[in-house]
């Protein structure tokens, strides 16, 4: 095996930057690697080729592929950022209870371990209250990345806990280094972040309900598990009377739009966080020349759609 070095990074050919779940999994990978190996100056960049946009992970000192997988697996198995919400399966959380969880997370946070606080900031806010038919209901407003809320037994927090418990190093390997086969069992193991999760009857030859043999309807446990670790990189923030999520905006006539950048210069976690929130990404017509000057080679966008009780992301297109 060729040993990666500063100029030969570890390529992650399984992760497609044009796929919403693939992009989240890439963010989760660089965050997990940075937290597990703080001494390795972890950075990530994107390159394009026959497979499209794929991430490359730079570490110094360098690691072999097997070491990367083992470290990521250990980090993911020892991490439980949702413990502060142990009583909930979904984000239908009373404001007072969420505030109590935030205070508990703040008291235990340290300079090197603030995962619980960062996850809570990504999931919702006790400042903005949701409304039903114009009336406040006492529950927190939550992240635009929440695509499940209990319908069909698809619980947002519950599914994350299931993925944390069930994902193995084998799932990580086929997510990062192989073409996705979607051959992991789907039930209770998908956060609906992949456009492939939209299996509406109108998009198929036959009714998917009850079809145990439907193709490409499985899950990628490793991708979903790594994507969970990306949540702190896309925090929520109160804006006037609304709760906004980093990267998401409302475009007239298009509904909720999610925009994300792909960059070709290796940068670390803090720089990636800053780039994800760059205001130019939110422009209806991004200034490509200005973004190119800061290393952004491509911008992808998808819409968040709602069909009945379910949310999904559409396939992404260049902005």
Protein backbone atom coordinates (compact mmCIF):
# COMPACT_ATOMS: atom_id res chain seq x y z
CA UNK A 1 0.00 0.00 0.00
CA UNK A 2 1.25 3.50 -0.86
CA UNK A 3 1.73 5.62 2.22
CA UNK A 4 -0.05 9.02 1.94
CA UNK A 5 2.00 12.12 2.66
CA UNK A 6 1.56 15.89 2.61
CA UNK A 7 1.24 15.87 -1.17
CA UNK A 8 -0.50 12.48 -1.45
CA UNK A 9 -3.54 12.64 0.82
CA UNK A 10 -5.96 9.85 1.66
CA UNK A 11 -8.61 9.89 -1.08
CA UNK A 12 -12.18 9.12 -0.05
CA UNK A 13 -13.72 7.94 -3.35
CA UNK A 14 -16.99 6.79 -1.77
CA UNK A 15 -18.08 10.32 -0.85
CA UNK A 16 -19.75 12.34 -3.61
CA UNK A 17 -19.67 16.08 -3.02
CA UNK A 18 -22.74 16.53 -5.23
CA UNK A 19 -24.77 14.27 -2.93
CA UNK A 20 -26.19 15.91 0.19
CA UNK A 21 -25.49 12.85 2.37
CA UNK A 22 -22.04 12.41 0.84
CA UNK A 23 -21.16 16.02 1.62
CA UNK A 24 -22.37 15.71 5.23
CA UNK A 25 -20.41 12.47 5.64
CA UNK A 26 -17.28 14.26 4.40
CA UNK A 27 -17.78 17.04 6.95
CA UNK A 28 -18.32 14.46 9.66
CA UNK A 29 -15.14 12.65 8.65
CA UNK A 30 -12.92 15.72 8.83
CA UNK A 31 -14.48 16.78 12.15
CA UNK A 32 -14.08 13.32 13.71
CA UNK A 33 -10.49 13.02 12.46
CA UNK A 34 -9.61 16.48 13.78
CA UNK A 35 -11.00 15.75 17.24
CA UNK A 36 -9.42 12.29 17.43
CA UNK A 37 -6.00 13.34 16.08
CA UNK A 38 -5.51 16.97 17.17
CA UNK A 39 -1.75 16.56 16.65
CA UNK A 40 -2.09 15.58 12.96
CA UNK A 41 -3.12 18.97 11.51
CA UNK A 42 -6.09 17.45 9.68
CA UNK A 43 -7.28 19.25 6.54
CA UNK A 44 -9.62 18.49 3.66
CA UNK A 45 -9.92 19.52 0.02
CA UNK A 46 -12.00 18.40 -2.96
CA UNK A 47 -10.76 17.16 -6.31
CA UNK A 48 -12.66 16.32 -9.46
CA UNK A 49 -12.15 13.47 -11.92
CA UNK A 50 -14.02 10.62 -13.56
CA UNK A 51 -16.03 10.04 -10.37
CA UNK A 52 -16.97 13.69 -9.93
CA UNK A 53 -16.09 15.69 -6.82
CA UNK A 54 -14.45 13.59 -4.12
CA UNK A 55 -12.79 14.67 -0.84
CA UNK A 56 -9.16 14.17 0.06
CA UNK A 57 -8.00 14.06 3.67
CA UNK A 58 -4.59 15.51 4.56
CA UNK A 59 -2.91 14.50 7.82
CA UNK A 60 0.55 15.37 9.08
CA UNK A 61 2.06 13.15 10.41
CA UNK A 62 0.49 10.83 7.88
CA UNK A 63 -1.67 7.77 8.50
CA UNK A 64 -2.42 4.65 6.51
CA UNK A 65 -5.96 3.86 5.43
CA UNK A 66 -6.36 1.15 8.07
CA UNK A 67 -5.21 3.55 10.81
CA UNK A 68 -7.71 6.15 9.64
CA UNK A 69 -10.58 3.67 9.74
CA UNK A 70 -9.60 2.31 13.15
CA UNK A 71 -9.33 5.79 14.64
CA UNK A 72 -12.62 6.99 13.17
CA UNK A 73 -14.36 3.86 14.39
CA UNK A 74 -13.00 4.27 17.91
CA UNK A 75 -13.98 7.93 18.01
CA UNK A 76 -17.52 7.23 16.80
CA UNK A 77 -18.03 4.39 19.25
CA UNK A 78 -16.89 6.41 22.25
CA UNK A 79 -18.92 9.51 21.34
CA UNK A 80 -22.46 10.01 22.66
CA UNK A 81 -23.31 13.69 22.12
CA UNK A 82 -27.06 13.04 22.47
CA UNK A 83 -26.95 11.90 26.08
CA UNK A 84 -28.31 15.27 27.23
CA UNK A 85 -31.51 14.50 25.27
CA UNK A 86 -31.86 10.95 26.53
CA UNK A 87 -35.58 11.38 27.21
CA UNK A 88 -36.49 12.33 23.63
CA UNK A 89 -36.81 10.51 20.31
CA UNK A 90 -37.55 13.62 18.25
CA UNK A 91 -37.02 17.37 18.40
CA UNK A 92 -40.53 18.03 19.69
CA UNK A 93 -38.95 19.30 22.90
CA UNK A 94 -40.44 21.85 25.32
CA UNK A 95 -38.43 25.06 25.52
CA UNK A 96 -37.82 24.71 29.27
CA UNK A 97 -36.46 21.17 28.88
CA UNK A 98 -34.16 22.18 26.02
CA UNK A 99 -32.86 25.14 28.01
CA UNK A 100 -32.11 22.80 30.92
CA UNK A 101 -30.13 20.55 28.56
CA UNK A 102 -28.23 23.57 27.23
CA UNK A 103 -27.26 24.68 30.73
CA UNK A 104 -26.12 21.15 31.62
CA UNK A 105 -24.02 20.97 28.43
CA UNK A 106 -22.49 24.39 29.09
CA UNK A 107 -21.47 23.38 32.62
CA UNK A 108 -19.65 20.26 31.42
CA UNK A 109 -18.07 21.81 28.31
CA UNK A 110 -14.30 22.25 28.20
CA UNK A 111 -11.93 23.78 25.70
CA UNK A 112 -11.22 20.34 24.24
CA UNK A 113 -14.66 18.74 24.65
CA UNK A 114 -17.77 20.76 23.94
CA UNK A 115 -19.60 18.25 21.74
CA UNK A 116 -22.88 18.26 23.69
CA UNK A 117 -23.14 22.05 23.57
CA UNK A 118 -22.24 22.14 19.87
CA UNK A 119 -24.82 19.48 19.02
CA UNK A 120 -27.55 21.32 20.91
CA UNK A 121 -26.72 24.53 19.05
CA UNK A 122 -27.06 22.60 15.80
CA UNK A 123 -30.35 20.90 16.70
CA UNK A 124 -32.42 23.86 17.81
CA UNK A 125 -32.86 26.89 20.05
CA UNK A 126 -34.79 27.76 23.18
CA UNK A 127 -35.09 31.36 21.91
CA UNK A 128 -37.46 30.64 19.01
CA UNK A 129 -40.76 28.88 19.63
CA UNK A 130 -42.58 26.93 16.95
CA UNK A 131 -46.10 27.84 15.92
CA UNK A 132 -49.04 25.79 14.71
CA UNK A 133 -51.78 27.69 12.86
CA UNK A 134 -50.31 30.95 14.09
CA UNK A 135 -50.25 29.92 17.75
CA UNK A 136 -47.12 29.18 19.75
CA UNK A 137 -47.01 25.63 21.10
CA UNK A 138 -44.20 25.79 23.67
CA UNK A 139 -41.75 23.69 21.62
CA UNK A 140 -38.35 24.65 20.27
CA UNK A 141 -37.79 25.57 16.66
CA UNK A 142 -35.33 23.12 15.14
CA UNK A 143 -32.76 22.59 12.42
CA UNK A 144 -33.60 22.60 8.71
CA UNK A 145 -31.73 19.28 8.55
CA UNK A 146 -34.47 17.56 10.53
CA UNK A 147 -36.20 15.45 7.87
CA UNK A 148 -37.96 13.01 10.21
CA UNK A 149 -40.23 13.63 13.17
CA UNK A 150 -41.76 10.30 14.15
CA UNK A 151 -43.97 9.61 11.12
CA UNK A 152 -43.67 5.98 10.04
CA UNK A 153 -41.63 5.33 13.20
CA UNK A 154 -38.80 7.43 11.74
CA UNK A 155 -37.55 9.34 14.78
CA UNK A 156 -34.81 11.93 14.27
CA UNK A 157 -32.94 11.53 17.57
CA UNK A 158 -33.96 7.89 17.91
CA UNK A 159 -32.52 7.06 14.49
CA UNK A 160 -29.26 8.80 15.38
CA UNK A 161 -28.98 6.68 18.52
CA UNK A 162 -29.62 3.52 16.49
CA UNK A 163 -26.89 4.46 14.01
CA UNK A 164 -24.46 5.27 16.83
CA UNK A 165 -25.07 1.83 18.33
CA UNK A 166 -25.08 -0.25 15.13
CA UNK A 167 -22.46 1.24 12.79
CA UNK A 168 -19.24 -0.79 12.51
CA UNK A 169 -15.85 -0.27 10.93
CA UNK A 170 -17.03 -2.32 7.92
CA UNK A 171 -19.85 0.20 7.33
CA UNK A 172 -17.31 3.03 7.47
CA UNK A 173 -15.00 1.30 4.99
CA UNK A 174 -17.63 0.80 2.31
CA UNK A 175 -18.89 4.36 2.83
CA UNK A 176 -15.49 6.01 2.45
CA UNK A 177 -13.69 3.76 -0.02
CA UNK A 178 -16.27 1.91 -2.13
CA UNK A 179 -19.07 2.75 -4.53
CA UNK A 180 -22.24 3.01 -2.47
CA UNK A 181 -24.39 -0.10 -2.82
CA UNK A 182 -27.23 0.92 -0.48
CA UNK A 183 -27.29 -2.63 0.87
CA UNK A 184 -27.63 -1.94 4.60
CA UNK A 185 -31.11 -2.51 6.09
CA UNK A 186 -33.14 0.67 5.81
CA UNK A 187 -35.51 0.42 8.78
CA UNK A 188 -34.62 2.94 11.52
CA UNK A 189 -31.20 3.61 9.94
CA UNK A 190 -31.78 6.55 7.60
CA UNK A 191 -31.99 10.26 8.42
CA UNK A 192 -33.40 11.01 4.95
CA UNK A 193 -30.43 13.16 3.99
CA UNK A 194 -29.81 11.31 0.71
CA UNK A 195 -31.99 12.12 -2.34
CA UNK A 196 -32.23 8.34 -2.77
CA UNK A 197 -34.43 8.30 0.35
CA UNK A 198 -37.25 9.88 -1.65
CA UNK A 199 -39.05 6.75 -2.90
CA UNK A 200 -42.44 8.25 -3.67
CA UNK A 201 -44.91 6.19 -5.68
CA UNK A 202 -45.02 8.94 -8.33
CA UNK A 203 -41.32 8.42 -9.03
CA UNK A 204 -41.52 4.62 -9.38
CA UNK A 205 -43.05 1.96 -11.60
CA UNK A 206 -44.91 0.48 -8.68
CA UNK A 207 -45.99 1.29 -5.14
CA UNK A 208 -42.92 1.08 -2.84
CA UNK A 209 -45.06 0.44 0.22
CA UNK A 210 -44.68 -3.19 1.23
CA UNK A 211 -42.22 -3.93 -1.58
CA UNK A 212 -39.50 -5.88 0.21
CA UNK A 213 -37.41 -6.27 -2.97
CA UNK A 214 -37.29 -2.65 -4.14
CA UNK A 215 -33.88 -1.75 -5.53
CA UNK A 216 -31.62 1.01 -4.20
CA UNK A 217 -33.90 1.51 -1.22
CA UNK A 218 -31.49 0.37 1.45
CA UNK A 219 -29.37 2.60 3.63
CA UNK A 220 -25.70 3.47 4.02
CA UNK A 221 -25.21 3.20 7.76
CA UNK A 222 -21.64 4.48 7.68
CA UNK A 223 -22.57 7.57 5.68
CA UNK A 224 -25.46 8.43 7.99
CA UNK A 225 -23.29 7.87 11.07
CA UNK A 226 -20.50 10.09 9.79
CA UNK A 227 -23.04 12.71 8.72
CA UNK A 228 -24.31 12.96 12.29
CA UNK A 229 -20.86 14.27 13.24
CA UNK A 230 -21.31 17.10 10.72
CA UNK A 231 -24.24 18.66 12.58
CA UNK A 232 -22.11 20.94 14.82
CA UNK A 233 -20.63 22.47 11.66
CA UNK A 234 -24.07 23.69 10.56
CA UNK A 235 -25.43 25.38 13.68
CA UNK A 236 -28.77 27.16 13.99
CA UNK A 237 -29.14 30.82 14.90
CA UNK A 238 -32.20 32.96 15.77
CA UNK A 239 -32.89 35.65 13.15
CA UNK A 240 -35.71 37.97 14.21
CA UNK A 241 -38.65 35.62 14.81
CA UNK A 242 -37.23 32.65 12.87
CA UNK A 243 -34.58 30.03 13.44
CA UNK A 244 -32.11 29.79 10.57
CA UNK A 245 -29.72 26.93 9.82
CA UNK A 246 -26.26 27.53 8.38
CA UNK A 247 -26.32 27.00 4.61
CA UNK A 248 -30.10 27.19 4.27
CA UNK A 249 -32.13 30.06 2.90
CA UNK A 250 -35.50 30.83 1.40
CA UNK A 251 -35.54 31.66 -2.32
CA UNK A 252 -38.71 33.16 -3.73
CA UNK A 253 -40.80 30.54 -5.48
CA UNK A 254 -38.36 27.74 -4.61
CA UNK A 255 -38.94 27.15 -0.90
CA UNK A 256 -36.09 26.05 1.36
CA UNK A 257 -32.73 25.86 -0.42
CA UNK A 258 -29.52 24.35 0.93
CA UNK A 259 -26.23 25.56 -0.59
CA UNK A 260 -22.78 24.12 0.09
CA UNK A 261 -19.29 24.82 -1.31
CA UNK A 262 -16.55 22.55 -2.61
CA UNK A 263 -13.00 23.89 -2.31
CA UNK A 264 -9.69 22.79 -3.79
CA UNK A 265 -7.26 24.07 -1.13
CA UNK A 266 -6.66 21.87 1.95
CA UNK A 267 -8.15 23.68 4.96
CA UNK A 268 -8.85 22.72 8.55
CA UNK A 269 -11.99 22.51 10.63
CA UNK A 270 -12.19 26.16 11.67
CA UNK A 271 -11.68 27.39 8.11
CA UNK A 272 -14.33 24.96 6.84
CA UNK A 273 -16.83 26.22 9.44
CA UNK A 274 -16.19 29.78 8.32
CA UNK A 275 -16.54 28.86 4.65
CA UNK A 276 -19.85 27.05 5.18
CA UNK A 277 -21.37 30.25 6.55
CA UNK A 278 -19.96 32.59 3.89
CA UNK A 279 -22.74 35.01 2.87
CA UNK A 280 -21.87 34.84 -0.83
CA UNK A 281 -23.01 31.21 -0.92
CA UNK A 282 -26.54 32.34 -0.09
CA UNK A 283 -26.87 34.78 -2.99
CA UNK A 284 -29.46 33.74 -5.53
CA UNK A 285 -26.77 34.17 -8.18
CA UNK A 286 -23.40 33.59 -6.47
CA UNK A 287 -20.42 35.66 -7.59
CA UNK A 288 -18.32 32.85 -9.02
CA UNK A 289 -15.23 34.97 -9.53
CA UNK A 290 -15.22 36.22 -5.95
CA UNK A 291 -15.74 32.71 -4.60
CA UNK A 292 -13.03 31.32 -6.85
CA UNK A 293 -10.63 33.81 -5.28
CA UNK A 294 -11.14 32.12 -1.90
CA UNK A 295 -10.78 28.61 -3.31
CA UNK A 296 -14.44 27.68 -3.89
CA UNK A 297 -14.52 25.70 -7.11
CA UNK A 298 -18.18 24.67 -7.08
CA UNK A 299 -21.42 25.39 -5.25
CA UNK A 300 -24.16 22.79 -5.06
CA UNK A 301 -27.77 23.43 -4.19
CA UNK A 302 -30.75 21.26 -3.43
CA UNK A 303 -34.30 21.92 -2.30
CA UNK A 304 -35.91 20.53 0.80
CA UNK A 305 -39.32 19.21 -0.15
CA UNK A 306 -42.21 17.92 1.92
CA UNK A 307 -44.38 15.04 0.74
CA UNK A 308 -47.12 14.26 3.22
CA UNK A 309 -45.42 13.62 6.56
CA UNK A 310 -41.92 13.29 5.12
CA UNK A 311 -39.16 15.68 4.15
CA UNK A 312 -36.50 14.93 1.56
CA UNK A 313 -33.68 16.65 -0.28
CA UNK A 314 -33.81 16.80 -4.06
CA UNK A 315 -30.76 15.86 -6.16
CA UNK A 316 -28.31 18.77 -6.04
CA UNK A 317 -27.33 20.93 -9.01
CA UNK A 318 -24.52 23.45 -9.45
CA UNK A 319 -25.70 26.93 -8.40
